[in-house]
Each structure stands twice: as C-alpha cells, then as structure tokens.
Protein backbone atom coordinates (compact mmCIF):
# COMPACT_ATOMS: atom_id res chain seq x y z
CA MET A 1 -61.01 27.96 29.78
CA PRO A 2 -58.89 24.77 31.05
CA GLN A 3 -57.86 24.90 34.50
CA SER A 4 -55.70 22.24 34.89
CA SER A 5 -51.89 21.59 34.02
CA PRO A 6 -51.49 19.51 30.73
CA THR A 7 -50.71 15.95 31.00
CA PRO A 8 -47.25 14.83 29.07
CA ASP A 9 -49.31 14.01 25.96
CA SER A 10 -51.07 17.32 26.00
CA GLU A 11 -47.71 19.17 26.43
CA SER A 12 -46.50 17.43 23.39
CA ALA A 13 -49.61 18.08 21.19
CA TYR A 14 -49.49 21.55 22.54
CA ASP A 15 -45.91 21.69 21.08
CA ARG A 16 -46.85 20.32 17.71
CA ARG A 17 -49.79 22.52 17.44
CA ARG A 18 -47.50 25.50 17.83
CA LEU A 19 -45.05 24.37 15.06
CA ARG A 20 -47.89 24.00 12.66
CA GLN A 21 -49.17 27.31 13.45
CA TRP A 22 -45.81 28.86 12.93
CA LEU A 23 -45.26 27.13 9.82
CA ALA A 24 -48.65 28.54 8.20
CA GLY A 25 -47.92 31.80 9.30
CA ASP A 26 -49.88 31.89 12.27
CA ALA A 27 -47.52 32.36 15.07
CA ARG A 28 -44.79 34.69 16.15
CA ALA A 29 -41.42 33.35 17.38
CA ASP A 30 -40.03 36.19 19.79
CA GLY A 31 -35.99 36.24 19.35
CA VAL A 32 -36.12 32.62 17.60
CA ALA A 33 -34.28 32.50 14.11
CA ARG A 34 -35.74 30.61 11.45
CA ARG A 35 -32.92 27.92 11.33
CA ASP A 36 -33.76 27.20 15.04
CA MET A 37 -37.47 26.88 14.25
CA LEU A 38 -36.54 24.34 11.60
CA ARG A 39 -34.99 22.57 14.21
CA LEU A 40 -38.22 22.49 15.99
CA LEU A 41 -40.30 21.58 13.10
CA ALA A 42 -38.10 18.48 12.81
CA ALA A 43 -38.76 17.61 16.35
CA ALA A 44 -42.51 17.65 15.55
CA GLY A 45 -42.06 15.41 12.43
CA LEU A 46 -42.96 18.20 10.01
CA THR A 47 -39.75 18.58 8.23
CA THR A 48 -36.49 16.99 7.71
CA ALA A 49 -34.56 20.14 6.70
CA VAL A 50 -32.68 21.19 10.25
CA SER A 51 -29.67 23.14 11.08
CA THR A 52 -26.86 22.30 13.23
CA ALA A 53 -28.14 22.77 17.04
CA PHE A 54 -26.74 25.55 19.04
CA GLY A 55 -24.91 24.66 22.11
CA ALA A 56 -25.64 25.73 25.63
CA PRO A 57 -24.98 29.28 27.04
CA ALA A 58 -21.34 30.50 26.40
CA ALA A 59 -20.96 31.03 30.06
CA ALA A 60 -21.53 27.51 31.04
CA ALA A 61 -18.50 25.27 31.59
CA THR A 62 -18.39 21.94 30.25
CA ALA A 63 -19.22 19.62 33.21
CA ALA A 64 -16.46 16.95 32.38
CA ASN A 65 -13.96 19.91 32.79
CA ALA A 66 -15.56 22.59 34.94
CA THR A 67 -13.81 23.42 38.13
CA SER A 68 -15.56 25.22 40.82
CA VAL A 69 -14.70 28.83 41.96
CA SER A 70 -13.35 28.65 45.67
CA PRO A 71 -16.28 27.92 47.92
CA SER A 72 -15.39 30.97 50.08
CA ALA A 73 -15.06 33.44 47.24
CA THR A 74 -17.76 35.92 46.35
CA VAL A 75 -19.73 35.26 43.20
CA PRO A 76 -19.88 38.02 41.02
CA GLY A 77 -23.46 39.32 40.63
CA ILE A 78 -24.78 37.80 43.76
CA VAL A 79 -25.70 39.79 46.67
CA LYS A 80 -26.10 37.61 49.72
CA PRO A 81 -23.12 35.97 51.53
CA LEU A 82 -22.12 32.45 50.30
CA PRO A 83 -20.43 30.70 53.45
CA ASP A 84 -18.27 28.03 52.36
CA GLU A 85 -19.95 25.48 54.61
CA TRP A 86 -23.51 26.11 52.93
CA PHE A 87 -22.27 26.41 49.26
CA THR A 88 -20.35 25.95 46.30
CA ALA A 89 -19.85 28.61 43.63
CA ARG A 90 -20.24 27.75 40.17
CA GLY A 91 -19.62 30.59 37.51
CA THR A 92 -22.53 33.07 38.16
CA ASN A 93 -24.24 30.48 40.36
CA ALA A 94 -24.23 29.19 43.99
CA GLU A 95 -25.08 25.47 44.51
CA THR A 96 -26.54 24.67 48.03
CA ARG A 97 -24.11 21.74 49.88
CA PHE A 98 -26.67 19.17 50.49
CA ALA A 99 -25.13 18.24 53.78
CA SER A 100 -25.99 21.92 55.08
CA LEU A 101 -29.73 20.99 54.99
CA ALA A 102 -29.58 18.41 57.58
CA GLY A 103 -31.93 19.78 60.44
CA THR A 104 -33.04 22.95 58.88
CA GLY A 105 -36.68 21.47 58.52
CA TYR A 106 -38.90 21.04 55.48
CA HIS A 107 -38.54 24.49 54.02
CA THR A 108 -34.94 25.62 52.79
CA PRO A 109 -33.97 28.67 54.83
CA ASN A 110 -33.70 31.65 52.48
CA ASP A 111 -30.11 32.06 53.24
CA HIS A 112 -29.24 28.34 52.29
CA PHE A 113 -31.47 28.56 49.15
CA PHE A 114 -29.38 27.86 45.68
CA VAL A 115 -28.93 30.76 43.48
CA ARG A 116 -29.21 30.51 39.48
CA ASN A 117 -28.33 33.54 37.39
CA HIS A 118 -28.30 33.77 33.99
CA THR A 119 -26.38 37.39 34.24
CA SER A 120 -26.47 39.03 37.78
CA THR A 121 -28.97 39.77 40.35
CA PRO A 122 -30.55 43.35 39.86
CA VAL A 123 -31.19 45.41 43.06
CA LEU A 124 -34.74 46.81 42.24
CA ASP A 125 -36.56 49.42 44.10
CA ALA A 126 -40.05 47.69 45.52
CA LYS A 127 -41.76 51.16 45.61
CA ALA A 128 -40.95 51.91 41.93
CA TRP A 129 -41.50 48.77 40.52
CA SER A 130 -44.54 47.83 38.35
CA LEU A 131 -45.51 44.67 36.52
CA THR A 132 -46.99 45.42 33.12
CA LEU A 133 -49.59 42.92 31.26
CA TRP A 134 -49.89 43.31 27.59
CA GLY A 135 -50.83 41.64 24.20
CA ASP A 136 -53.45 40.84 21.99
CA GLY A 137 -54.69 38.03 24.18
CA LEU A 138 -56.19 40.91 26.71
CA ALA A 139 -59.32 42.89 26.01
CA ARG A 140 -57.30 46.09 26.73
CA GLU A 141 -53.56 46.86 27.22
CA PRO A 142 -51.28 47.68 28.78
CA VAL A 143 -52.56 46.96 32.27
CA GLU A 144 -50.22 47.88 35.18
CA PHE A 145 -49.98 46.64 38.65
CA THR A 146 -47.84 47.84 41.63
CA LEU A 147 -46.70 45.89 44.13
CA ALA A 148 -49.52 47.44 46.41
CA ASP A 149 -51.93 46.57 43.95
CA LEU A 150 -50.90 42.81 43.87
CA LYS A 151 -50.85 42.84 47.57
CA ARG A 152 -54.45 44.16 47.92
CA LEU A 153 -55.39 40.94 45.81
CA PRO A 154 -56.62 37.74 47.47
CA ALA A 155 -53.27 36.22 48.58
CA THR A 156 -52.40 32.43 48.05
CA THR A 157 -49.57 30.52 49.69
CA ARG A 158 -47.84 27.65 48.21
CA THR A 159 -45.06 24.90 49.37
CA ALA A 160 -42.91 24.30 46.31
CA PHE A 161 -39.43 23.51 45.16
CA VAL A 162 -37.70 25.41 42.49
CA GLU A 163 -35.01 23.36 40.65
CA CYS A 164 -32.47 23.70 37.87
CA ALA A 165 -33.05 21.78 35.04
CA GLY A 166 -29.55 20.95 35.21
CA ASN A 167 -29.47 19.82 38.64
CA GLY A 168 -27.35 16.64 38.99
CA ARG A 169 -25.69 17.46 35.47
CA SER A 170 -21.91 16.53 36.67
CA PHE A 171 -23.06 12.89 37.08
CA PHE A 172 -23.67 12.31 33.44
CA THR A 173 -19.72 12.78 33.32
CA THR A 174 -18.61 11.44 36.87
CA GLN A 175 -20.83 8.34 37.13
CA GLN A 176 -21.87 7.65 33.66
CA GLY A 177 -18.81 8.89 31.57
CA GLN A 178 -20.37 11.13 29.19
CA PRO A 179 -19.37 14.62 28.96
CA VAL A 180 -22.20 17.11 28.75
CA SER A 181 -22.12 20.94 28.60
CA GLY A 182 -23.64 23.38 31.37
CA THR A 183 -22.89 24.11 34.93
CA ALA A 184 -21.61 21.14 36.62
CA TRP A 185 -24.08 20.72 39.38
CA THR A 186 -24.27 18.22 41.83
CA LEU A 187 -27.64 17.74 43.51
CA GLY A 188 -27.72 21.16 45.25
CA ALA A 189 -29.35 23.18 42.55
CA ILE A 190 -32.88 22.92 44.29
CA GLY A 191 -34.69 24.32 47.38
CA THR A 192 -38.31 24.14 48.66
CA ALA A 193 -39.87 27.23 50.15
CA ARG A 194 -43.39 28.43 51.42
CA TRP A 195 -44.08 31.24 48.74
CA LYS A 196 -46.73 33.86 48.86
CA GLY A 197 -48.37 35.83 46.46
CA VAL A 198 -51.11 36.09 44.02
CA ARG A 199 -52.39 33.52 41.61
CA LEU A 200 -51.33 34.62 38.04
CA ALA A 201 -55.01 33.56 37.13
CA GLU A 202 -56.41 36.54 39.32
CA VAL A 203 -54.01 38.98 37.71
CA LEU A 204 -54.71 37.76 34.08
CA ARG A 205 -58.46 37.96 34.96
CA ARG A 206 -58.27 41.56 36.11
CA ALA A 207 -56.17 42.48 33.28
CA GLY A 208 -58.86 41.46 30.92
CA LEU A 209 -57.91 38.08 29.76
CA THR A 210 -59.86 36.89 26.50
CA ASP A 211 -60.71 33.68 24.81
CA ARG A 212 -57.85 34.50 22.19
CA ALA A 213 -55.13 33.89 24.57
CA VAL A 214 -53.16 30.99 23.97
CA ASP A 215 -49.52 31.63 25.50
CA VAL A 216 -48.11 33.85 28.51
CA LEU A 217 -44.86 35.01 28.46
CA PRO A 218 -43.27 36.64 31.56
CA ARG A 219 -39.87 38.54 31.17
CA GLY A 220 -37.16 39.23 33.68
CA LEU A 221 -35.85 42.66 34.87
CA ASP A 222 -32.27 41.30 35.03
CA ALA A 223 -29.66 42.09 32.25
CA GLU A 224 -29.97 40.90 29.05
CA TYR A 225 -28.29 37.70 28.23
CA VAL A 226 -25.23 37.88 25.45
CA THR A 227 -23.60 34.75 24.40
CA ALA A 228 -19.67 34.37 23.97
CA ASP A 229 -20.35 34.98 20.16
CA GLY A 230 -22.20 38.54 20.65
CA THR A 231 -25.41 37.05 20.07
CA ASN A 232 -27.98 38.97 22.41
CA LEU A 233 -30.60 37.07 23.38
CA GLY A 234 -32.38 39.91 25.32
CA HIS A 235 -34.08 39.23 28.71
CA VAL A 236 -34.70 35.95 30.22
CA ARG A 237 -38.38 35.13 29.19
CA ARG A 238 -40.28 31.60 28.62
CA PRO A 239 -43.77 31.06 27.58
CA LEU A 240 -46.32 29.11 29.58
CA PRO A 241 -49.29 27.44 27.97
CA LEU A 242 -52.39 29.11 29.19
CA SER A 243 -53.68 25.98 30.96
CA LYS A 244 -50.69 26.03 33.08
CA ALA A 245 -50.74 29.62 33.62
CA LEU A 246 -54.41 29.38 34.86
CA ASP A 247 -53.49 26.34 37.26
CA ASP A 248 -51.27 26.39 39.95
CA VAL A 249 -48.83 29.77 39.26
CA LEU A 250 -48.12 32.42 41.48
CA LEU A 251 -46.70 35.88 41.00
CA ALA A 252 -44.44 35.48 44.74
CA TYR A 253 -43.70 38.38 46.94
CA GLU A 254 -42.68 36.46 49.77
CA MET A 255 -40.18 33.65 50.89
CA ASN A 256 -40.76 31.70 53.74
CA GLY A 257 -42.77 34.44 55.41
CA GLU A 258 -40.15 37.23 54.35
CA PRO A 259 -40.22 39.59 51.43
CA LEU A 260 -38.47 37.98 48.57
CA PRO A 261 -34.59 38.28 48.74
CA VAL A 262 -32.97 40.16 45.91
CA ASP A 263 -31.02 37.08 44.55
CA HIS A 264 -34.41 35.22 44.61
CA GLY A 265 -36.64 37.56 42.72
CA HIS A 266 -37.33 40.85 44.55
CA PRO A 267 -39.71 42.18 44.54
CA VAL A 268 -41.81 39.71 42.42
CA ARG A 269 -40.92 36.45 40.76
CA VAL A 270 -42.95 33.69 38.64
CA LEU A 271 -43.51 30.46 40.47
CA VAL A 272 -44.41 27.40 38.36
CA PRO A 273 -44.91 24.63 40.89
CA SER A 274 -43.18 21.29 39.74
CA TRP A 275 -42.09 22.62 36.17
CA VAL A 276 -38.07 23.34 35.44
CA GLY A 277 -36.82 26.41 37.30
CA ILE A 278 -36.47 28.47 34.21
CA ALA A 279 -40.23 28.85 34.06
CA SER A 280 -40.16 30.58 37.53
CA ILE A 281 -38.76 33.83 36.07
CA LYS A 282 -37.44 36.28 38.61
CA TRP A 283 -37.52 39.87 38.90
CA VAL A 284 -40.67 39.71 36.65
CA GLY A 285 -41.15 43.33 34.84
CA ASP A 286 -43.72 42.29 32.32
CA ILE A 287 -46.06 39.56 30.94
CA GLU A 288 -47.12 39.26 27.46
CA VAL A 289 -50.45 37.41 26.93
CA SER A 290 -50.67 36.24 23.41
CA ALA A 291 -53.14 35.21 21.02
CA GLN A 292 -50.43 33.70 19.17
CA PRO A 293 -48.17 30.90 20.21
CA LEU A 294 -44.65 32.20 21.21
CA TYR A 295 -41.06 31.20 21.45
CA SER A 296 -38.02 32.53 23.13
CA PRO A 297 -34.50 30.88 23.13
CA TRP A 298 -35.14 29.46 26.48
CA ASN A 299 -37.49 26.81 25.05
CA THR A 300 -35.90 26.31 21.76
CA ASP A 301 -31.88 26.36 21.91
CA PHE A 302 -31.93 25.74 25.75
CA TYR A 303 -34.25 23.44 27.87
CA ARG A 304 -34.78 20.61 25.33
CA LEU A 305 -33.29 17.31 25.22
CA PHE A 306 -30.94 16.91 22.26
CA GLY A 307 -28.70 13.83 21.52
CA ALA A 308 -28.83 10.78 19.56
CA ALA A 309 -31.92 9.33 21.65
CA TYR A 310 -33.90 12.24 20.67
CA PRO A 311 -35.36 13.77 17.17
CA GLU A 312 -32.72 15.60 15.22
CA GLY A 313 -34.35 18.73 16.49
CA GLY A 314 -34.82 18.16 19.91
CA SER A 315 -37.32 17.11 22.11
CA VAL A 316 -40.46 19.18 23.13
CA PRO A 317 -39.52 21.95 25.63
CA LEU A 318 -39.06 20.89 29.24
CA THR A 319 -41.83 20.84 31.60
CA ARG A 320 -42.06 19.03 34.96
CA GLN A 321 -39.02 18.16 36.86
CA THR A 322 -37.89 14.54 37.20
CA LEU A 323 -37.25 12.13 40.13
CA LYS A 324 -34.22 12.51 42.58
CA SER A 325 -32.86 11.62 45.76
CA ALA A 326 -29.94 13.23 47.78
CA PHE A 327 -28.16 12.43 51.07
CA GLU A 328 -27.66 14.95 53.67
CA LEU A 329 -24.02 13.77 53.88
CA ALA A 330 -20.76 15.35 52.52
CA TRP A 331 -19.35 13.41 49.41
CA ASN A 332 -16.66 11.24 50.67
CA ALA A 333 -17.72 11.85 54.33
CA SER A 334 -15.69 10.09 56.92
CA LEU A 335 -17.61 7.97 59.46
CA PRO A 336 -15.96 5.83 62.14
CA ALA A 337 -16.92 2.01 62.08
CA GLY A 338 -18.74 0.07 64.73
CA THR A 339 -21.00 3.17 65.39
CA ASP A 340 -24.63 3.68 64.73
CA HIS A 341 -25.36 6.38 62.03
CA ARG A 342 -28.66 7.69 61.11
CA LEU A 343 -28.45 8.63 57.47
CA THR A 344 -30.95 11.30 56.03
CA GLY A 345 -31.89 12.72 52.77
CA ARG A 346 -34.44 14.10 50.78
CA SER A 347 -36.45 12.85 47.48
CA TRP A 348 -38.52 14.70 44.95
CA SER A 349 -40.34 14.17 41.89
CA GLY A 350 -42.49 16.81 39.46
CA ALA A 351 -44.40 14.45 38.26
CA GLY A 352 -45.99 12.79 41.56
CA GLY A 353 -45.14 12.90 45.44
CA VAL A 354 -42.55 10.45 46.57
CA ARG A 355 -44.29 7.36 48.35
CA ARG A 356 -41.39 5.39 48.87
CA VAL A 357 -37.35 5.67 49.31
CA ASP A 358 -35.29 2.37 49.36
CA VAL A 359 -31.46 2.94 50.79
CA SER A 360 -28.21 0.66 50.16
CA THR A 361 -25.20 0.68 51.87
CA ASP A 362 -23.41 -1.72 50.00
CA GLY A 363 -23.53 -0.45 46.52
CA GLY A 364 -27.02 -1.73 45.65
CA THR A 365 -26.41 -5.56 46.73
CA ASN A 366 -29.04 -5.18 49.30
CA TRP A 367 -31.99 -2.46 49.80
CA ARG A 368 -34.04 -1.72 52.71
CA ARG A 369 -37.06 0.79 53.03
CA ALA A 370 -36.25 4.15 54.48
CA ARG A 371 -38.71 5.94 56.98
CA LEU A 372 -40.52 8.75 55.32
CA TYR A 373 -41.60 12.09 57.32
CA ASP A 374 -43.67 13.85 55.04
CA ALA A 375 -46.85 13.17 52.94
CA PRO A 376 -46.22 13.00 49.25
CA SER A 377 -46.31 16.23 47.38
CA ARG A 378 -45.83 16.78 43.61
CA ALA A 379 -44.53 20.26 44.39
CA GLY A 380 -42.45 19.30 47.22
CA TRP A 381 -40.26 16.64 48.56
CA VAL A 382 -39.84 14.18 51.47
CA ARG A 383 -37.56 13.73 54.23
CA TRP A 384 -36.24 10.26 54.84
CA SER A 385 -34.01 8.21 57.34
CA THR A 386 -32.41 5.12 57.85
CA ASP A 387 -29.99 3.45 60.25
CA TRP A 388 -26.66 2.14 59.49
CA ARG A 389 -23.80 0.45 61.52
CA PRO A 390 -20.67 -0.43 59.40
CA LYS A 391 -18.68 -3.08 60.99
CA THR A 392 -15.48 -2.71 59.00
CA PRO A 393 -13.26 0.18 57.55
CA GLY A 394 -13.41 1.00 53.86
CA THR A 395 -15.14 2.99 51.05
CA TYR A 396 -18.59 2.43 50.89
CA THR A 397 -21.20 3.41 48.29
CA LEU A 398 -24.54 4.71 49.59
CA LEU A 399 -27.42 4.66 47.18
CA ALA A 400 -31.03 5.94 47.49
CA ARG A 401 -33.67 5.20 45.10
CA ALA A 402 -37.24 7.15 45.07
CA THR A 403 -40.46 5.65 43.60
CA ASP A 404 -43.45 8.35 43.29
CA THR A 405 -47.04 8.12 43.07
CA THR A 406 -47.16 7.55 39.20
CA GLY A 407 -45.30 4.13 40.06
CA ARG A 408 -41.94 5.53 38.27
CA THR A 409 -38.70 4.51 40.05
CA GLN A 410 -35.24 6.03 39.71
CA PRO A 411 -33.25 4.35 37.23
CA GLU A 412 -29.78 2.97 37.36
CA THR A 413 -28.75 5.39 34.33
CA THR A 414 -30.20 8.49 32.73
CA VAL A 415 -30.34 8.56 28.79
CA LEU A 416 -27.51 11.12 27.79
CA ASN A 417 -28.67 14.38 26.25
CA THR A 418 -26.06 17.00 25.16
CA GLN A 419 -26.85 19.54 27.51
CA GLY A 420 -27.16 17.57 30.76
CA TYR A 421 -30.92 18.21 31.81
CA LEU A 422 -33.14 16.02 33.95
CA PHE A 423 -30.51 13.69 35.41
CA ASP A 424 -32.48 11.03 37.31
CA ALA A 425 -30.66 7.92 37.80
CA VAL A 426 -29.55 6.70 41.44
CA VAL A 427 -26.38 8.65 42.66
CA ARG A 428 -23.56 6.83 43.86
CA HIS A 429 -22.82 8.52 47.09
CA PRO A 430 -18.96 7.22 48.35
CA VAL A 431 -18.17 7.47 52.13
CA GLN A 432 -14.79 6.32 54.00
CA VAL A 433 -15.34 4.12 57.15
CA SER A 434 -12.15 4.07 59.56
C-alpha cells in the first residue's frame, strides 16, 4: 500500500476517479445529496448539469459585514478562558491575536491556541471514551480502542501547525475589496504544537486493514451541525485518502506535553500535518474504513473553491495549506519615530518549508531579507526578525513576503473564491509612527 502523501496532481486524479466511481454506482456519498454530487461531477468535467452551489455554513458571518464579539466576552461553547490580550472572539470561535505570540517560543502555548468550533466543545470523560473502527475496508469489524489501548501502542511525536482553511479570509474584503462568506479571520486561526499520539497507520493495521480499503473517514463527537434552514449535516467528518492516512497522520492525545485540552479535542483528535484544519477532526469517536470512496458535506459543499476562476462545480477538495506570513505586532500599532525597533513575525507553508522571508517597511518600494531562526519544515513555521528605525512620523505599511522550498512566493493578490479559503497574498500591515 502507498506510504507517501499524494502530490497535488495525484490528489486531483484521486478526486476524478472517485467521481467516476460514484457515477457508475460504485461509491457511497455519506450525507451528500445528488444535486451536490452533480456539482462535483461538473468539477471533474464529467457532466455539464450542475445545480446552484450551497452557501457557507449559516453560522458564519459575511466577512464584509462581520463584527467581532467583544474580545472580553465569553464565547458560548468554548471552555478555556479567552483573555482580551490574547484572543478575538468570532462567533463560535476564538482567534489568537498574533501580537500575543511574540516571545512565546516556537510552539504555541495551549492557552494561546486558537479555537475553531462548528458547534460547541464537548466535555468528554477520557475513562469512558473509546474509538471504534469499522467498515468494509477492514478484515473484521467493529474494532474498539480505549485511550489506555492507544497509549500502549508505540508513541510518535510530531510538531505541526493546525490552521483553518479560512485563515486570512477577511483580507479578501479589506485588502482586495471582494466580499466573501465565512468567519472574518485575520491571520490568527493557526497554531503550532508538539503533538504526541499513535500513528493512524498503526491503529489501522491492528484493526485489520485490508487491501480493499480506499478511504478513511474520522467522525467527531461534538454536536451535529444544523444549518440555518434546518438541514442537519450530522457530526463533523471528512474523508482522507488511504495514502495520507498511512503517511503522517496521528491520533493525538497530548499537546505540548499535556493531555489534550477539551477545546482542542480531548481526549483524542486526528492530526493531519500540513493539510487544512478541517481534516484534523477533534474529539474523534469513530473511523470508518471503506472499500468505497466516501464524501461528506465537509469536502463537497464546504472546503472547495467556488467562483468565476474555478469550474462551475468547484475545485477538488482542499488538502494542503497555502503560504502565509504575519507580523507579531498589533494592527495599527503605535511606534515612536527615531527609535530602533525589532520587527518579528512568522511564516509558514503546507507545500514546503519556508526558506526565505523579505520585509518591506515602505509599502513594497524596497525589500530586505529577514533573519530566520528555524529550519524549513512543511508542517511547521519559521520565526524571523528585521530591524527598523523610522525617521519621520506618519502611517507606514509593513509587508512580509515568504518563499518556500518549492520555489513559490506569496503573490500580491489572491484569486477570489466565494467562501474565502486559502488567502495567501502579502498582507498590508499598517502602523502609526509618532
């Protein structure tokens, strides 16, 4: 069986193959209506009959009009404290203030880590919890593992970021003048942690994985997601191709040396390094191992790219994260003129480690190379700094532009998609010098 994650080309081929199998009656689409599958078929070039694309989840606000809940307020459904200086509350979510990461080290402290909830955080009893693996891709079923069972298996530790696919979404509107749907994240819907757990490949092997298996579908134990029009989409779930599941995916039970906090998946979550955050299902309760390709609303209606630049039925499902940079500095920060300042930040990419960061303090007229403090890592980020001494008062625009090991550099603009995913353009960060 394949042991490496698929390339973008093979992921596209995988998607097309699954669609053809569904059309032939050889695939099961879990929770996906036929009208939505017609969209997918159009995306794969298999039919021109498509229906109107659904919008984003009803709970999400339009980025152009969204206003944040008061940062000092408690977010319903989130358990941990959300201090004003660390978080901005956004609906059912909490975004990390990027400036609060300055001086925290490479790994994001658990209490600073952003929270992305589709519904609310469930508080589960680790002693009563179990994970069930089932499906026709196993030699026997069902197979159950307790937390103690998982901890008896060989442990693996990985450092990896988790990032919402909509991180940076608000800049489609504020920077490019393009309204999009979804939570209006700036750049704080990301965190990097040291995760400990057992490789999903090891658990699949012990559960009796067969060569018939093609897809693996983890499902969360948080409440079922119901849209504003009353459609119940069920528990959050998203299939992984077997090749990715067998590569670097973890069933994580520790985060930065501590048991997983409840808001981050306690007692066990899926960790899918370098992929969009929706793949890293929290509070995992069961995993279907299927001999048929699977779909869910989280890789059909959501987490695809829709818009004029994409096929009428949308792109293939999103997998790897994109390239971004952020300053560890408050928006519109006030800095004194004639003083030396050390500007710091972080850059990351899901396709390849960041190998270079260039910074401009004059809106892009001049650039200089930043100092990097970490080795490139596809699943992590690099910290960087540059010195700046502004001579005169005024409004300045800071820019940070990363280049990764694939040779890709952040662009000036990002092609619009209606749900505001994968914003990767250089962000224009204003500061006030007085």
